[in-house]
Amino acid sequence: MDLFVQGVSHHYGDLQALDAIDLQVKGGQILALIGPSGCGKSTLLGIMGGMLQPTEGDVVAAGVPPADSLNPFTYIFQDFALLPWRSVAGNVALALEHHRLDRAERTARIEAALVLTGLRDFAAALPRQLSGGMRQRVGIARAVAVRPAILFLDEPLSALDAQTRELLLEDLLAIWQREATTAVYVTHNLDEAVRVADRIAVLSRRPGRIKQVMPVEIPRSERGDARHAADLAALHAQLWDLIRGEAAVADRELADG
């Protein structure tokens, strides 16, 4: 599925968060959203996924979801949002309980999601028994169990330490390589954006506007190769040049608040 953001603006009372956003998410690709703190990345993600109604503009989906998609739009958040009294398998099952599935199909979807995320051996564990990275894997498994047409990720790795973040990023990349799911990925981490995205949309400070959409031409499967290190570093530098000044201003605004 493709997703088109058309003239989207949004206000919270007198505060304007977004201004005249036009953007396309292409089917089978990953679009990263970056920008200074408070620029409206999460607000835009919520509007794109239908969780928020924009003050102005429209979001239009084009195409047909996969035949086995239960939720065309699905989210993964920074907060793992797991039910502590449910096992890993039980938390994954939660996403399926309001759909008309027979027991065999429900079991098959849970099993497939656990295998895909490396959680099969932890199906009976409770969230308190898991590390932060493993808990986020449960959140990812819960999302992929419904086989979404478009996956929305709101800083899914930001609560994790550096080593865990790197391991989970590798897992996410492997899942995307296998599933080819369309995704919108909000992050403040430029390295993550460069690693995962086919295109990177840079937002200005509030009210958020699209400053530039930059393609990442290097195939995702080759971005770990040393021969591409200089090109990826150059792209990182370009992105930082686009947001450096506004990021400093936004940081002072947050501190003053």
Protein backbone atom coordinates (compact mmCIF):
# COMPACT_ATOMS: atom_id res chain seq x y z
CA MET A 1 0.00 0.00 0.00
CA ASP A 2 0.99 3.60 -0.64
CA LEU A 3 0.10 6.40 1.77
CA PHE A 4 -0.32 10.03 0.74
CA VAL A 5 -0.22 12.93 3.21
CA GLN A 6 -1.89 15.90 1.58
CA GLY A 7 -1.70 19.41 3.03
CA VAL A 8 -1.75 18.23 6.64
CA SER A 9 -1.61 20.86 9.39
CA HIS A 10 -2.35 20.34 13.06
CA HIS A 11 -2.98 22.55 16.09
CA TYR A 12 -3.16 21.80 19.79
CA GLY A 13 -5.24 24.78 20.84
CA ASP A 14 -3.18 27.84 19.97
CA LEU A 15 -0.04 25.78 19.38
CA GLN A 16 0.62 24.84 15.75
CA ALA A 17 2.46 21.53 15.58
CA LEU A 18 2.47 20.88 11.82
CA ASP A 19 2.11 23.11 8.79
CA ALA A 20 1.12 22.03 5.26
CA ILE A 21 2.78 18.61 5.18
CA ASP A 22 2.83 16.82 1.81
CA LEU A 23 4.48 13.42 1.85
CA GLN A 24 4.28 9.99 0.24
CA VAL A 25 5.05 6.61 1.75
CA LYS A 26 5.79 4.18 -1.06
CA GLY A 27 4.67 0.59 -0.80
CA GLY A 28 7.40 -1.80 0.29
CA GLN A 29 9.68 1.03 1.45
CA ILE A 30 10.68 2.46 4.82
CA LEU A 31 10.30 6.20 5.33
CA ALA A 32 12.17 7.68 8.30
CA LEU A 33 10.98 10.91 9.94
CA ILE A 34 13.65 12.99 11.67
CA GLY A 35 13.87 16.53 13.00
CA PRO A 36 14.53 18.62 16.11
CA SER A 37 12.82 17.79 19.41
CA GLY A 38 9.25 19.01 19.43
CA CYS A 39 8.99 19.30 15.63
CA GLY A 40 5.84 17.17 15.43
CA LYS A 41 7.27 13.80 14.31
CA SER A 42 5.06 11.76 16.63
CA THR A 43 2.05 13.94 15.86
CA LEU A 44 2.56 13.36 12.15
CA LEU A 45 2.95 9.62 12.74
CA GLY A 46 -0.30 9.56 14.70
CA ILE A 47 -2.11 11.37 11.90
CA MET A 48 -0.66 9.08 9.23
CA GLY A 49 -1.81 6.02 11.16
CA GLY A 50 -5.29 7.35 11.89
CA MET A 51 -4.83 7.87 15.63
CA LEU A 52 -5.22 11.66 15.29
CA GLN A 53 -7.50 13.68 13.06
CA PRO A 54 -5.57 16.53 11.42
CA THR A 55 -6.81 20.09 11.81
CA GLU A 56 -6.42 20.47 8.04
CA GLY A 57 -5.60 18.15 5.17
CA ASP A 58 -6.04 14.47 4.45
CA VAL A 59 -4.23 11.14 4.56
CA VAL A 60 -5.16 8.78 1.74
CA ALA A 61 -4.22 5.10 1.45
CA ALA A 62 -3.95 3.63 -2.04
CA GLY A 63 -3.84 -0.04 -2.83
CA VAL A 64 -5.15 -3.19 -1.21
CA PRO A 65 -3.79 -4.63 2.07
CA PRO A 66 -2.39 -8.17 1.93
CA ALA A 67 -5.13 -10.80 2.03
CA ASP A 68 -3.97 -12.04 5.44
CA SER A 69 -3.70 -8.55 7.01
CA LEU A 70 -5.92 -8.18 10.08
CA ASN A 71 -4.92 -4.58 10.88
CA PRO A 72 -3.76 -2.60 7.84
CA PHE A 73 -2.13 0.01 10.13
CA THR A 74 -0.22 -1.15 13.23
CA TYR A 75 2.03 0.65 15.74
CA ILE A 76 5.15 -0.14 17.71
CA PHE A 77 5.87 2.39 20.47
CA GLN A 78 8.84 3.30 22.63
CA ASP A 79 6.84 2.06 25.63
CA PHE A 80 6.60 -1.71 25.34
CA ALA A 81 2.95 -1.62 26.60
CA LEU A 82 2.93 -5.28 27.66
CA LEU A 83 0.43 -6.80 30.07
CA PRO A 84 2.61 -7.96 33.00
CA TRP A 85 0.33 -10.85 33.97
CA ARG A 86 0.38 -12.37 30.49
CA SER A 87 3.12 -14.55 29.07
CA VAL A 88 5.04 -13.62 25.93
CA ALA A 89 2.67 -15.75 23.84
CA GLY A 90 -0.30 -14.26 25.68
CA ASN A 91 0.79 -10.73 24.90
CA VAL A 92 1.17 -11.60 21.22
CA ALA A 93 -2.25 -13.28 21.29
CA LEU A 94 -3.82 -10.06 22.57
CA ALA A 95 -3.58 -8.48 19.11
CA LEU A 96 -5.56 -11.38 17.63
CA GLU A 97 -8.37 -11.77 20.14
CA HIS A 98 -10.82 -9.38 18.51
CA HIS A 99 -10.53 -11.04 15.11
CA ARG A 100 -12.50 -14.01 13.86
CA LEU A 101 -9.79 -16.60 13.72
CA ASP A 102 -10.10 -20.28 14.49
CA ARG A 103 -7.77 -21.73 17.09
CA ALA A 104 -5.43 -23.26 14.54
CA GLU A 105 -4.88 -20.00 12.67
CA ARG A 106 -4.44 -18.02 15.88
CA THR A 107 -1.86 -20.53 17.10
CA ALA A 108 -0.06 -20.49 13.76
CA ARG A 109 0.16 -16.68 13.73
CA ILE A 110 1.51 -16.56 17.27
CA GLU A 111 4.07 -19.27 16.50
CA ALA A 112 5.20 -17.54 13.31
CA ALA A 113 5.58 -14.17 15.08
CA LEU A 114 7.60 -15.72 17.91
CA VAL A 115 9.89 -17.53 15.48
CA LEU A 116 10.36 -14.38 13.39
CA THR A 117 11.40 -12.35 16.44
CA GLY A 118 13.53 -15.02 18.12
CA LEU A 119 11.09 -15.51 21.01
CA ARG A 120 9.98 -19.10 20.50
CA ASP A 121 11.92 -20.36 23.51
CA PHE A 122 10.44 -17.60 25.69
CA ALA A 123 6.76 -18.14 24.88
CA ALA A 124 5.85 -18.97 28.49
CA ALA A 125 7.97 -16.23 30.13
CA LEU A 126 6.43 -13.19 31.80
CA PRO A 127 7.55 -9.66 30.82
CA ARG A 128 9.29 -9.13 34.20
CA GLN A 129 11.58 -12.04 33.36
CA LEU A 130 12.79 -10.39 30.15
CA SER A 131 15.37 -7.73 29.36
CA GLY A 132 14.30 -4.45 27.77
CA GLY A 133 15.34 -5.65 24.35
CA MET A 134 13.38 -8.87 24.72
CA ARG A 135 10.30 -6.97 25.88
CA GLN A 136 10.49 -4.79 22.79
CA ARG A 137 10.76 -7.94 20.68
CA VAL A 138 7.42 -8.98 22.17
CA GLY A 139 5.98 -5.66 21.02
CA ILE A 140 7.34 -6.30 17.53
CA ALA A 141 5.97 -9.86 17.52
CA ARG A 142 2.54 -8.58 18.55
CA ALA A 143 2.61 -6.11 15.66
CA VAL A 144 3.73 -8.55 12.96
CA ALA A 145 1.21 -11.18 14.09
CA VAL A 146 -1.57 -9.14 12.46
CA ARG A 147 0.54 -8.81 9.27
CA PRO A 148 0.04 -5.08 8.76
CA ALA A 149 0.10 -3.37 5.40
CA ILE A 150 1.93 -0.41 6.97
CA LEU A 151 3.87 -0.49 10.23
CA PHE A 152 4.32 2.74 12.23
CA LEU A 153 7.25 2.86 14.68
CA ASP A 154 7.62 5.71 17.17
CA GLU A 155 11.24 5.71 18.44
CA PRO A 156 11.05 1.98 19.17
CA LEU A 157 14.69 1.67 20.29
CA SER A 158 15.23 4.89 22.23
CA ALA A 159 14.58 3.34 25.66
CA LEU A 160 17.31 0.72 25.18
CA ASP A 161 21.03 0.80 25.91
CA ALA A 162 23.43 1.11 22.97
CA GLN A 163 24.33 -2.58 22.65
CA THR A 164 20.72 -3.76 22.95
CA ARG A 165 19.65 -1.10 20.45
CA GLU A 166 22.21 -2.34 17.93
CA LEU A 167 21.12 -5.98 18.34
CA LEU A 168 17.44 -5.15 18.01
CA LEU A 169 18.09 -2.93 15.01
CA GLU A 170 19.76 -5.88 13.30
CA ASP A 171 16.72 -8.00 14.11
CA LEU A 172 14.37 -5.37 12.69
CA LEU A 173 16.40 -5.17 9.51
CA ALA A 174 16.25 -8.96 9.13
CA ILE A 175 12.46 -8.89 9.61
CA TRP A 176 12.05 -6.15 7.02
CA GLN A 177 14.29 -8.01 4.60
CA ARG A 178 12.06 -11.07 4.91
CA GLU A 179 8.61 -9.46 5.16
CA ALA A 180 9.06 -6.37 2.93
CA THR A 181 6.56 -4.47 5.09
CA THR A 182 5.94 -0.81 4.33
CA ALA A 183 6.95 1.26 7.36
CA VAL A 184 7.19 4.78 8.76
CA TYR A 185 9.97 5.06 11.35
CA VAL A 186 10.23 8.04 13.69
CA THR A 187 13.64 8.49 15.29
CA HIS A 188 15.90 11.18 16.72
CA ASN A 189 18.91 8.97 15.94
CA LEU A 190 20.45 9.83 12.56
CA ASP A 191 22.44 6.60 12.45
CA GLU A 192 19.22 4.59 12.77
CA ALA A 193 17.57 6.62 10.01
CA VAL A 194 20.50 6.05 7.66
CA ARG A 195 20.58 2.32 8.46
CA VAL A 196 16.90 1.53 7.99
CA ALA A 197 15.33 4.00 5.55
CA ASP A 198 14.80 4.05 1.82
CA ARG A 199 13.90 7.74 2.14
CA ILE A 200 14.38 10.20 5.01
CA ALA A 201 12.00 13.11 5.53
CA VAL A 202 13.53 15.99 7.51
CA LEU A 203 11.11 18.18 9.48
CA SER A 204 11.78 21.74 10.57
CA ARG A 205 11.32 22.91 14.15
CA ARG A 206 7.76 23.70 15.24
CA PRO A 207 5.55 24.13 13.36
CA GLY A 208 6.92 21.11 11.53
CA ARG A 209 7.32 21.51 7.79
CA ILE A 210 9.07 19.22 5.31
CA LYS A 211 12.52 20.69 4.72
CA GLN A 212 13.76 17.92 2.47
CA VAL A 213 13.19 14.28 1.57
CA MET A 214 16.48 12.49 0.97
CA PRO A 215 16.77 9.08 -0.70
CA VAL A 216 19.23 6.50 0.60
CA GLU A 217 20.55 4.94 -2.59
CA ILE A 218 22.69 2.20 -1.02
CA PRO A 219 20.76 -1.09 -0.74
CA ARG A 220 19.86 -1.77 2.88
CA SER A 221 21.52 -5.19 2.76
CA GLU A 222 24.86 -3.55 1.87
CA ARG A 223 24.91 -0.72 4.41
CA GLY A 224 27.07 -2.68 6.81
CA ASP A 225 29.81 -3.06 4.19
CA ALA A 226 32.98 -1.05 4.84
CA ARG A 227 33.04 0.10 1.21
CA HIS A 228 29.89 2.17 1.82
CA ALA A 229 31.02 3.70 5.12
CA ALA A 230 32.16 6.98 3.59
CA ASP A 231 28.93 7.47 1.64
CA LEU A 232 26.79 6.76 4.70
CA ALA A 233 28.90 9.12 6.79
CA ALA A 234 28.43 11.83 4.17
CA LEU A 235 24.65 11.32 4.25
CA HIS A 236 24.70 11.50 8.05
CA ALA A 237 26.60 14.79 7.81
CA GLN A 238 24.08 16.20 5.32
CA LEU A 239 21.20 15.33 7.62
CA TRP A 240 22.94 16.88 10.61
CA ASP A 241 23.61 20.05 8.62
CA LEU A 242 19.89 20.28 7.90
CA ILE A 243 18.80 20.08 11.54
CA ARG A 244 21.80 21.27 13.61
CA GLY A 245 20.79 24.91 14.03
CA GLU A 246 17.13 24.20 14.69
CA ALA A 247 17.98 21.35 17.05
CA ALA A 248 20.02 23.77 19.19
CA VAL A 249 17.12 26.24 19.29
CA ALA A 250 14.63 23.49 20.15
CA ASP A 251 16.90 22.24 22.94
CA ARG A 252 17.00 25.72 24.49
CA GLU A 253 13.22 26.03 24.18
CA LEU A 254 12.70 22.74 26.02
CA ALA A 255 15.19 23.70 28.70
CA ASP A 256 13.57 27.10 29.19
CA GLY A 257 10.15 25.45 29.48
